[in-house]
Amino acid sequence: MNYTIIEREAAPARSPERTKRRIEGMDSLVSSLEPGKVARIELGDDENPRRVSEQVYKTANRSGKLVDIWEVGGILYAEVAGTSGS
């Protein structure tokens, strides 16, 4: 991996589509996660397990939660693992 640090002004503008790439309902899913409960996430034909997992992690992080996610038989499972402050 290679990277370069540049001034913010030298970076291209973010795409307005960026926020549209969030998966609908993700905030609701993450806010419903609580200790002792597991979310069972059935993927649609056009949904990628890795992308959905990344969205769960990112949304949980914004909410101050840590989550564990695993896949069995094409179905994702997610549970709270703690809070990002602990």
PDB file of N, CA and C in Angstrom:
ATOM      1  N   MET A   1       0.846  -1.171   0.000  1.00  0.00           N
ATOM      2  CA  MET A   1       0.000   0.000   0.000  1.00  0.00           C
ATOM      3  C   MET A   1       0.889   1.230   0.000  1.00  0.00           C
ATOM      4  N   ASN A   2       0.514   2.194  -0.790  1.00  0.00           N
ATOM      5  CA  ASN A   2       1.194   3.487  -0.818  1.00  0.00           C
ATOM      6  C   ASN A   2       0.158   4.575  -0.592  1.00  0.00           C
ATOM      7  N   TYR A   3       0.561   5.625   0.075  1.00  0.00           N
ATOM      8  CA  TYR A   3      -0.349   6.761   0.236  1.00  0.00           C
ATOM      9  C   TYR A   3       0.458   8.048   0.308  1.00  0.00           C
ATOM     10  N   THR A   4      -0.236   9.138   0.048  1.00  0.00           N
ATOM     11  CA  THR A   4       0.346  10.471   0.116  1.00  0.00           C
ATOM     12  C   THR A   4      -0.624  11.361   0.868  1.00  0.00           C
ATOM     13  N   ILE A   5      -0.126  12.199   1.751  1.00  0.00           N
ATOM     14  CA  ILE A   5      -0.953  13.176   2.456  1.00  0.00           C
ATOM     15  C   ILE A   5      -0.917  14.469   1.656  1.00  0.00           C
ATOM     16  N   ILE A   6      -2.122  14.979   1.332  1.00  0.00           N
ATOM     17  CA  ILE A   6      -2.208  16.222   0.563  1.00  0.00           C
ATOM     18  C   ILE A   6      -3.086  17.217   1.306  1.00  0.00           C
ATOM     19  N   GLU A   7      -3.036  18.453   0.903  1.00  0.00           N
ATOM     20  CA  GLU A   7      -3.900  19.480   1.483  1.00  0.00           C
ATOM     21  C   GLU A   7      -5.347  19.207   1.074  1.00  0.00           C
ATOM     22  N   ARG A   8      -6.273  19.525   1.947  1.00  0.00           N
ATOM     23  CA  ARG A   8      -7.698  19.301   1.656  1.00  0.00           C
ATOM     24  C   ARG A   8      -8.103  19.980   0.357  1.00  0.00           C
ATOM     25  N   GLU A   9      -7.586  21.174   0.130  1.00  0.00           N
ATOM     26  CA  GLU A   9      -7.940  21.927  -1.068  1.00  0.00           C
ATOM     27  C   GLU A   9      -7.499  21.217  -2.352  1.00  0.00           C
ATOM     28  N   ALA A  10      -6.508  20.353  -2.266  1.00  0.00           N
ATOM     29  CA  ALA A  10      -6.002  19.640  -3.439  1.00  0.00           C
ATOM     30  C   ALA A  10      -6.798  18.369  -3.743  1.00  0.00           C
ATOM     31  N   ALA A  11      -7.644  17.973  -2.815  1.00  0.00           N
ATOM     32  CA  ALA A  11      -8.441  16.760  -3.012  1.00  0.00           C
ATOM     33  C   ALA A  11      -9.698  17.078  -3.812  1.00  0.00           C
ATOM     34  N   PRO A  12     -10.169  16.139  -4.630  1.00  0.00           N
ATOM     35  CA  PRO A  12     -11.406  16.372  -5.381  1.00  0.00           C
ATOM     36  C   PRO A  12     -12.603  16.434  -4.436  1.00  0.00           C
ATOM     37  N   ALA A  13     -13.645  17.078  -4.881  1.00  0.00           N
ATOM     38  CA  ALA A  13     -14.869  17.180  -4.079  1.00  0.00           C
ATOM     39  C   ALA A  13     -15.504  15.803  -3.937  1.00  0.00           C
ATOM     40  N   ARG A  14     -16.207  15.605  -2.836  1.00  0.00           N
ATOM     41  CA  ARG A  14     -16.926  14.348  -2.629  1.00  0.00           C
ATOM     42  C   ARG A  14     -18.142  14.304  -3.539  1.00  0.00           C
ATOM     43  N   SER A  15     -18.485  13.127  -3.949  1.00  0.00           N
ATOM     44  CA  SER A  15     -19.640  12.937  -4.812  1.00  0.00           C
ATOM     45  C   SER A  15     -20.925  13.175  -4.026  1.00  0.00           C
ATOM     46  N   PRO A  16     -21.902  13.854  -4.637  1.00  0.00           N
ATOM     47  CA  PRO A  16     -23.189  14.011  -3.943  1.00  0.00           C
ATOM     48  C   PRO A  16     -23.897  12.681  -3.766  1.00  0.00           C
ATOM     49  N   GLU A  17     -23.487  11.660  -4.511  1.00  0.00           N
ATOM     50  CA  GLU A  17     -24.074  10.331  -4.389  1.00  0.00           C
ATOM     51  C   GLU A  17     -23.597   9.600  -3.143  1.00  0.00           C
ATOM     52  N   ARG A  18     -22.582  10.131  -2.483  1.00  0.00           N
ATOM     53  CA  ARG A  18     -21.958   9.455  -1.341  1.00  0.00           C
ATOM     54  C   ARG A  18     -22.969   9.062  -0.269  1.00  0.00           C
ATOM     55  N   THR A  19     -23.844   9.964   0.109  1.00  0.00           N
ATOM     56  CA  THR A  19     -24.802   9.635   1.166  1.00  0.00           C
ATOM     57  C   THR A  19     -25.886   8.693   0.663  1.00  0.00           C
ATOM     58  N   LYS A  20     -26.148   8.680  -0.633  1.00  0.00           N
ATOM     59  CA  LYS A  20     -27.152   7.776  -1.179  1.00  0.00           C
ATOM     60  C   LYS A  20     -26.681   6.332  -1.154  1.00  0.00           C
ATOM     61  N   ARG A  21     -25.376   6.126  -1.024  1.00  0.00           N
ATOM     62  CA  ARG A  21     -24.841   4.771  -1.010  1.00  0.00           C
ATOM     63  C   ARG A  21     -25.107   4.068   0.317  1.00  0.00           C
ATOM     64  N   ARG A  22     -25.549   4.796   1.309  1.00  0.00           N
ATOM     65  CA  ARG A  22     -25.898   4.155   2.574  1.00  0.00           C
ATOM     66  C   ARG A  22     -27.112   3.264   2.353  1.00  0.00           C
ATOM     67  N   ILE A  23     -27.083   2.130   2.983  1.00  0.00           N
ATOM     68  CA  ILE A  23     -28.174   1.178   2.824  1.00  0.00           C
ATOM     69  C   ILE A  23     -29.352   1.639   3.672  1.00  0.00           C
ATOM     70  N   GLU A  24     -30.504   1.706   3.037  1.00  0.00           N
ATOM     71  CA  GLU A  24     -31.715   2.167   3.715  1.00  0.00           C
ATOM     72  C   GLU A  24     -32.054   1.237   4.875  1.00  0.00           C
ATOM     73  N   GLY A  25     -32.411   1.809   6.004  1.00  0.00           N
ATOM     74  CA  GLY A  25     -32.797   1.036   7.169  1.00  0.00           C
ATOM     75  C   GLY A  25     -31.646   0.652   8.080  1.00  0.00           C
ATOM     76  N   MET A  26     -30.418   0.997   7.704  1.00  0.00           N
ATOM     77  CA  MET A  26     -29.253   0.598   8.494  1.00  0.00           C
ATOM     78  C   MET A  26     -29.264   1.257   9.870  1.00  0.00           C
ATOM     79  N   ASP A  27     -29.641   2.540   9.956  1.00  0.00           N
ATOM     80  CA  ASP A  27     -29.693   3.217  11.258  1.00  0.00           C
ATOM     81  C   ASP A  27     -30.685   2.525  12.185  1.00  0.00           C
ATOM     82  N   SER A  28     -31.821   2.124  11.635  1.00  0.00           N
ATOM     83  CA  SER A  28     -32.835   1.440  12.431  1.00  0.00           C
ATOM     84  C   SER A  28     -32.331   0.086  12.919  1.00  0.00           C
ATOM     85  N   LEU A  29     -31.659  -0.660  12.046  1.00  0.00           N
ATOM     86  CA  LEU A  29     -31.113  -1.958  12.419  1.00  0.00           C
ATOM     87  C   LEU A  29     -30.134  -1.810  13.573  1.00  0.00           C
ATOM     88  N   VAL A  30     -29.177  -0.908  13.430  1.00  0.00           N
ATOM     89  CA  VAL A  30     -28.142  -0.734  14.446  1.00  0.00           C
ATOM     90  C   VAL A  30     -28.739  -0.229  15.756  1.00  0.00           C
ATOM     91  N   SER A  31     -29.696   0.683  15.691  1.00  0.00           N
ATOM     92  CA  SER A  31     -30.281   1.183  16.941  1.00  0.00           C
ATOM     93  C   SER A  31     -31.082   0.090  17.655  1.00  0.00           C
ATOM     94  N   SER A  32     -31.536  -0.916  16.917  1.00  0.00           N
ATOM     95  CA  SER A  32     -32.279  -2.028  17.521  1.00  0.00           C
ATOM     96  C   SER A  32     -31.381  -3.054  18.188  1.00  0.00           C
ATOM     97  N   LEU A  33     -30.088  -3.033  17.862  1.00  0.00           N
ATOM     98  CA  LEU A  33     -29.169  -4.001  18.465  1.00  0.00           C
ATOM     99  C   LEU A  33     -28.950  -3.681  19.939  1.00  0.00           C
ATOM    100  N   GLU A  34     -29.111  -4.678  20.757  1.00  0.00           N
ATOM    101  CA  GLU A  34     -28.878  -4.542  22.189  1.00  0.00           C
ATOM    102  C   GLU A  34     -28.318  -5.860  22.705  1.00  0.00           C
ATOM    103  N   PRO A  35     -27.674  -5.839  23.867  1.00  0.00           N
ATOM    104  CA  PRO A  35     -27.102  -7.068  24.415  1.00  0.00           C
ATOM    105  C   PRO A  35     -28.149  -8.179  24.515  1.00  0.00           C
ATOM    106  N   GLY A  36     -27.740  -9.371  24.115  1.00  0.00           N
ATOM    107  CA  GLY A  36     -28.637 -10.526  24.179  1.00  0.00           C
ATOM    108  C   GLY A  36     -29.503 -10.700  22.945  1.00  0.00           C
ATOM    109  N   LYS A  37     -29.426  -9.774  21.992  1.00  0.00           N
ATOM    110  CA  LYS A  37     -30.210  -9.844  20.754  1.00  0.00           C
ATOM    111  C   LYS A  37     -29.268  -9.920  19.567  1.00  0.00           C
ATOM    112  N   VAL A  38     -29.688 -10.615  18.518  1.00  0.00           N
ATOM    113  CA  VAL A  38     -28.902 -10.750  17.297  1.00  0.00           C
ATOM    114  C   VAL A  38     -29.783 -10.374  16.117  1.00  0.00           C
ATOM    115  N   ALA A  39     -29.241  -9.572  15.222  1.00  0.00           N
ATOM    116  CA  ALA A  39     -29.956  -9.228  13.993  1.00  0.00           C
ATOM    117  C   ALA A  39     -29.671 -10.309  12.957  1.00  0.00           C
ATOM    118  N   ARG A  40     -30.705 -10.824  12.345  1.00  0.00           N
ATOM    119  CA  ARG A  40     -30.583 -11.792  11.250  1.00  0.00           C
ATOM    120  C   ARG A  40     -30.863 -11.013   9.980  1.00  0.00           C
ATOM    121  N   ILE A  41     -29.854 -10.868   9.133  1.00  0.00           N
ATOM    122  CA  ILE A  41     -29.950 -10.003   7.957  1.00  0.00           C
ATOM    123  C   ILE A  41     -29.960 -10.861   6.701  1.00  0.00           C
ATOM    124  N   GLU A  42     -31.121 -10.940   6.065  1.00  0.00           N
ATOM    125  CA  GLU A  42     -31.244 -11.684   4.822  1.00  0.00           C
ATOM    126  C   GLU A  42     -30.933 -10.740   3.671  1.00  0.00           C
ATOM    127  N   LEU A  43     -29.998 -11.145   2.839  1.00  0.00           N
ATOM    128  CA  LEU A  43     -29.554 -10.294   1.742  1.00  0.00           C
ATOM    129  C   LEU A  43     -30.423 -10.493   0.507  1.00  0.00           C
ATOM    130  N   GLY A  44     -30.645  -9.398  -0.207  1.00  0.00           N
ATOM    131  CA  GLY A  44     -31.328  -9.474  -1.489  1.00  0.00           C
ATOM    132  C   GLY A  44     -30.371 -10.004  -2.543  1.00  0.00           C
ATOM    133  N   ASP A  45     -30.896 -10.385  -3.687  1.00  0.00           N
ATOM    134  CA  ASP A  45     -30.074 -10.935  -4.763  1.00  0.00           C
ATOM    135  C   ASP A  45     -28.980  -9.976  -5.215  1.00  0.00           C
ATOM    136  N   ASP A  46     -29.249  -8.679  -5.114  1.00  0.00           N
ATOM    137  CA  ASP A  46     -28.288  -7.684  -5.593  1.00  0.00           C
ATOM    138  C   ASP A  46     -27.401  -7.124  -4.475  1.00  0.00           C
ATOM    139  N   GLU A  47     -27.477  -7.693  -3.275  1.00  0.00           N
ATOM    140  CA  GLU A  47     -26.705  -7.176  -2.145  1.00  0.00           C
ATOM    141  C   GLU A  47     -25.458  -8.023  -1.886  1.00  0.00           C
ATOM    142  N   ASN A  48     -24.365  -7.344  -1.660  1.00  0.00           N
ATOM    143  CA  ASN A  48     -23.079  -7.966  -1.416  1.00  0.00           C
ATOM    144  C   ASN A  48     -22.866  -8.077   0.097  1.00  0.00           C
ATOM    145  N   PRO A  49     -22.571  -9.274   0.619  1.00  0.00           N
ATOM    146  CA  PRO A  49     -22.391  -9.433   2.069  1.00  0.00           C
ATOM    147  C   PRO A  49     -21.312  -8.524   2.650  1.00  0.00           C
ATOM    148  N   ARG A  50     -20.236  -8.346   1.918  1.00  0.00           N
ATOM    149  CA  ARG A  50     -19.152  -7.501   2.417  1.00  0.00           C
ATOM    150  C   ARG A  50     -19.604  -6.049   2.531  1.00  0.00           C
ATOM    151  N   ARG A  51     -20.308  -5.560   1.526  1.00  0.00           N
ATOM    152  CA  ARG A  51     -20.777  -4.170   1.552  1.00  0.00           C
ATOM    153  C   ARG A  51     -21.774  -3.947   2.689  1.00  0.00           C
ATOM    154  N   VAL A  52     -22.677  -4.889   2.871  1.00  0.00           N
ATOM    155  CA  VAL A  52     -23.653  -4.767   3.954  1.00  0.00           C
ATOM    156  C   VAL A  52     -22.940  -4.789   5.299  1.00  0.00           C
ATOM    157  N   SER A  53     -21.973  -5.695   5.464  1.00  0.00           N
ATOM    158  CA  SER A  53     -21.215  -5.765   6.718  1.00  0.00           C
ATOM    159  C   SER A  53     -20.498  -4.454   6.996  1.00  0.00           C
ATOM    160  N   GLU A  54     -19.883  -3.887   5.971  1.00  0.00           N
ATOM    161  CA  GLU A  54     -19.178  -2.610   6.134  1.00  0.00           C
ATOM    162  C   GLU A  54     -20.140  -1.514   6.579  1.00  0.00           C
ATOM    163  N   GLN A  55     -21.337  -1.501   6.007  1.00  0.00           N
ATOM    164  CA  GLN A  55     -22.318  -0.487   6.387  1.00  0.00           C
ATOM    165  C   GLN A  55     -22.771  -0.668   7.838  1.00  0.00           C
ATOM    166  N   VAL A  56     -22.930  -1.920   8.253  1.00  0.00           N
ATOM    167  CA  VAL A  56     -23.304  -2.173   9.654  1.00  0.00           C
ATOM    168  C   VAL A  56     -22.199  -1.660  10.570  1.00  0.00           C
ATOM    169  N   TYR A  57     -20.945  -1.986  10.258  1.00  0.00           N
ATOM    170  CA  TYR A  57     -19.819  -1.525  11.084  1.00  0.00           C
ATOM    171  C   TYR A  57     -19.760   0.002  11.142  1.00  0.00           C
ATOM    172  N   LYS A  58     -19.875   0.646   9.995  1.00  0.00           N
ATOM    173  CA  LYS A  58     -19.787   2.113   9.946  1.00  0.00           C
ATOM    174  C   LYS A  58     -20.941   2.770  10.702  1.00  0.00           C
ATOM    175  N   THR A  59     -22.137   2.261  10.510  1.00  0.00           N
ATOM    176  CA  THR A  59     -23.301   2.836  11.192  1.00  0.00           C
ATOM    177  C   THR A  59     -23.187   2.620  12.698  1.00  0.00           C
ATOM    178  N   ALA A  60     -22.746   1.443  13.104  1.00  0.00           N
ATOM    179  CA  ALA A  60     -22.570   1.160  14.529  1.00  0.00           C
ATOM    180  C   ALA A  60     -21.515   2.074  15.132  1.00  0.00           C
ATOM    181  N   ASN A  61     -20.435   2.279  14.410  1.00  0.00           N
ATOM    182  CA  ASN A  61     -19.376   3.157  14.900  1.00  0.00           C
ATOM    183  C   ASN A  61     -19.902   4.577  15.114  1.00  0.00           C
ATOM    184  N   ARG A  62     -20.689   5.087  14.171  1.00  0.00           N
ATOM    185  CA  ARG A  62     -21.282   6.430  14.327  1.00  0.00           C
ATOM    186  C   ARG A  62     -22.205   6.488  15.536  1.00  0.00           C
ATOM    187  N   SER A  63     -22.790   5.341  15.894  1.00  0.00           N
ATOM    188  CA  SER A  63     -23.707   5.269  17.037  1.00  0.00           C
ATOM    189  C   SER A  63     -22.983   4.949  18.341  1.00  0.00           C
ATOM    190  N   GLY A  64     -21.664   4.790  18.279  1.00  0.00           N
ATOM    191  CA  GLY A  64     -20.903   4.486  19.486  1.00  0.00           C
ATOM    192  C   GLY A  64     -20.978   3.034  19.905  1.00  0.00           C
ATOM    193  N   LYS A  65     -21.358   2.141  18.983  1.00  0.00           N
ATOM    194  CA  LYS A  65     -21.458   0.722  19.298  1.00  0.00           C
ATOM    195  C   LYS A  65     -20.391  -0.052  18.548  1.00  0.00           C
ATOM    196  N   LEU A  66     -19.930  -1.130  19.157  1.00  0.00           N
ATOM    197  CA  LEU A  66     -19.083  -2.099  18.485  1.00  0.00           C
ATOM    198  C   LEU A  66     -19.947  -3.310  18.179  1.00  0.00           C
ATOM    199  N   VAL A  67     -19.791  -3.883  17.009  1.00  0.00           N
ATOM    200  CA  VAL A  67     -20.599  -5.033  16.638  1.00  0.00           C
ATOM    201  C   VAL A  67     -19.721  -6.170  16.125  1.00  0.00           C
ATOM    202  N   ASP A  68     -20.219  -7.369  16.289  1.00  0.00           N
ATOM    203  CA  ASP A  68     -19.649  -8.558  15.668  1.00  0.00           C
ATOM    204  C   ASP A  68     -20.613  -8.972  14.568  1.00  0.00           C
ATOM    205  N   ILE A  69     -20.057  -9.350  13.416  1.00  0.00           N
ATOM    206  CA  ILE A  69     -20.876  -9.774  12.284  1.00  0.00           C
ATOM    207  C   ILE A  69     -20.304 -11.072  11.749  1.00  0.00           C
ATOM    208  N   TRP A  70     -21.193 -12.015  11.435  1.00  0.00           N
ATOM    209  CA  TRP A  70     -20.744 -13.253  10.820  1.00  0.00           C
ATOM    210  C   TRP A  70     -21.781 -13.686   9.788  1.00  0.00           C
ATOM    211  N   GLU A  71     -21.330 -14.558   8.880  1.00  0.00           N
ATOM    212  CA  GLU A  71     -22.197 -15.034   7.799  1.00  0.00           C
ATOM    213  C   GLU A  71     -22.287 -16.552   7.856  1.00  0.00           C
ATOM    214  N   VAL A  72     -23.499 -17.064   7.748  1.00  0.00           N
ATOM    215  CA  VAL A  72     -23.731 -18.504   7.689  1.00  0.00           C
ATOM    216  C   VAL A  72     -24.785 -18.746   6.625  1.00  0.00           C
ATOM    217  N   GLY A  73     -24.440 -19.512   5.619  1.00  0.00           N
ATOM    218  CA  GLY A  73     -25.402 -19.874   4.583  1.00  0.00           C
ATOM    219  C   GLY A  73     -25.979 -18.696   3.835  1.00  0.00           C
ATOM    220  N   GLY A  74     -25.193 -17.656   3.632  1.00  0.00           N
ATOM    221  CA  GLY A  74     -25.670 -16.489   2.899  1.00  0.00           C
ATOM    222  C   GLY A  74     -26.482 -15.507   3.728  1.00  0.00           C
ATOM    223  N   ILE A  75     -26.603 -15.757   5.015  1.00  0.00           N
ATOM    224  CA  ILE A  75     -27.330 -14.853   5.916  1.00  0.00           C
ATOM    225  C   ILE A  75     -26.323 -14.239   6.880  1.00  0.00           C
ATOM    226  N   LEU A  76     -26.419 -12.933   7.065  1.00  0.00           N
ATOM    227  CA  LEU A  76     -25.544 -12.232   8.009  1.00  0.00           C
ATOM    228  C   LEU A  76     -26.215 -12.165   9.372  1.00  0.00           C
ATOM    229  N   TYR A  77     -25.397 -12.213  10.404  1.00  0.00           N
ATOM    230  CA  TYR A  77     -25.853 -12.063  11.780  1.00  0.00           C
ATOM    231  C   TYR A  77     -25.001 -10.983  12.429  1.00  0.00           C
ATOM    232  N   ALA A  78     -25.610 -10.131  13.222  1.00  0.00           N
ATOM    233  CA  ALA A  78     -24.884  -9.043  13.883  1.00  0.00           C
ATOM    234  C   ALA A  78     -25.353  -8.930  15.323  1.00  0.00           C
ATOM    235  N   GLU A  79     -24.397  -8.680  16.211  1.00  0.00           N
ATOM    236  CA  GLU A  79     -24.733  -8.463  17.620  1.00  0.00           C
ATOM    237  C   GLU A  79     -23.810  -7.401  18.200  1.00  0.00           C
ATOM    238  N   VAL A  80     -24.267  -6.771  19.262  1.00  0.00           N
ATOM    239  CA  VAL A  80     -23.479  -5.756  19.949  1.00  0.00           C
ATOM    240  C   VAL A  80     -22.338  -6.443  20.686  1.00  0.00           C
ATOM    241  N   ALA A  81     -21.147  -5.877  20.524  1.00  0.00           N
ATOM    242  CA  ALA A  81     -19.968  -6.417  21.206  1.00  0.00           C
ATOM    243  C   ALA A  81     -19.497  -5.473  22.306  1.00  0.00           C
ATOM    244  N   GLY A  82     -20.078  -4.287  22.396  1.00  0.00           N
ATOM    245  CA  GLY A  82     -19.684  -3.297  23.389  1.00  0.00           C
ATOM    246  C   GLY A  82     -19.914  -1.908  22.840  1.00  0.00           C
ATOM    247  N   THR A  83     -19.269  -0.917  23.451  1.00  0.00           N
ATOM    248  CA  THR A  83     -19.354   0.444  22.964  1.00  0.00           C
ATOM    249  C   THR A  83     -17.961   0.891  22.539  1.00  0.00           C
ATOM    250  N   SER A  84     -17.910   1.793  21.590  1.00  0.00           N
ATOM    251  CA  SER A  84     -16.613   2.218  21.067  1.00  0.00           C
ATOM    252  C   SER A  84     -15.812   3.036  22.079  1.00  0.00           C
ATOM    253  N   GLY A  85     -16.424   3.438  23.159  1.00  0.00           N
ATOM    254  CA  GLY A  85     -15.709   4.191  24.183  1.00  0.00           C
ATOM    255  C   GLY A  85     -15.134   3.330  25.275  1.00  0.00           C
ATOM    256  N   SER A  86     -15.435   2.023  25.270  1.00  0.00           N
ATOM    257  CA  SER A  86     -14.978   1.150  26.357  1.00  0.00           C
ATOM    258  C   SER A  86     -13.860   0.239  25.953  1.00  0.00           C
TER     259      SER A  86
END
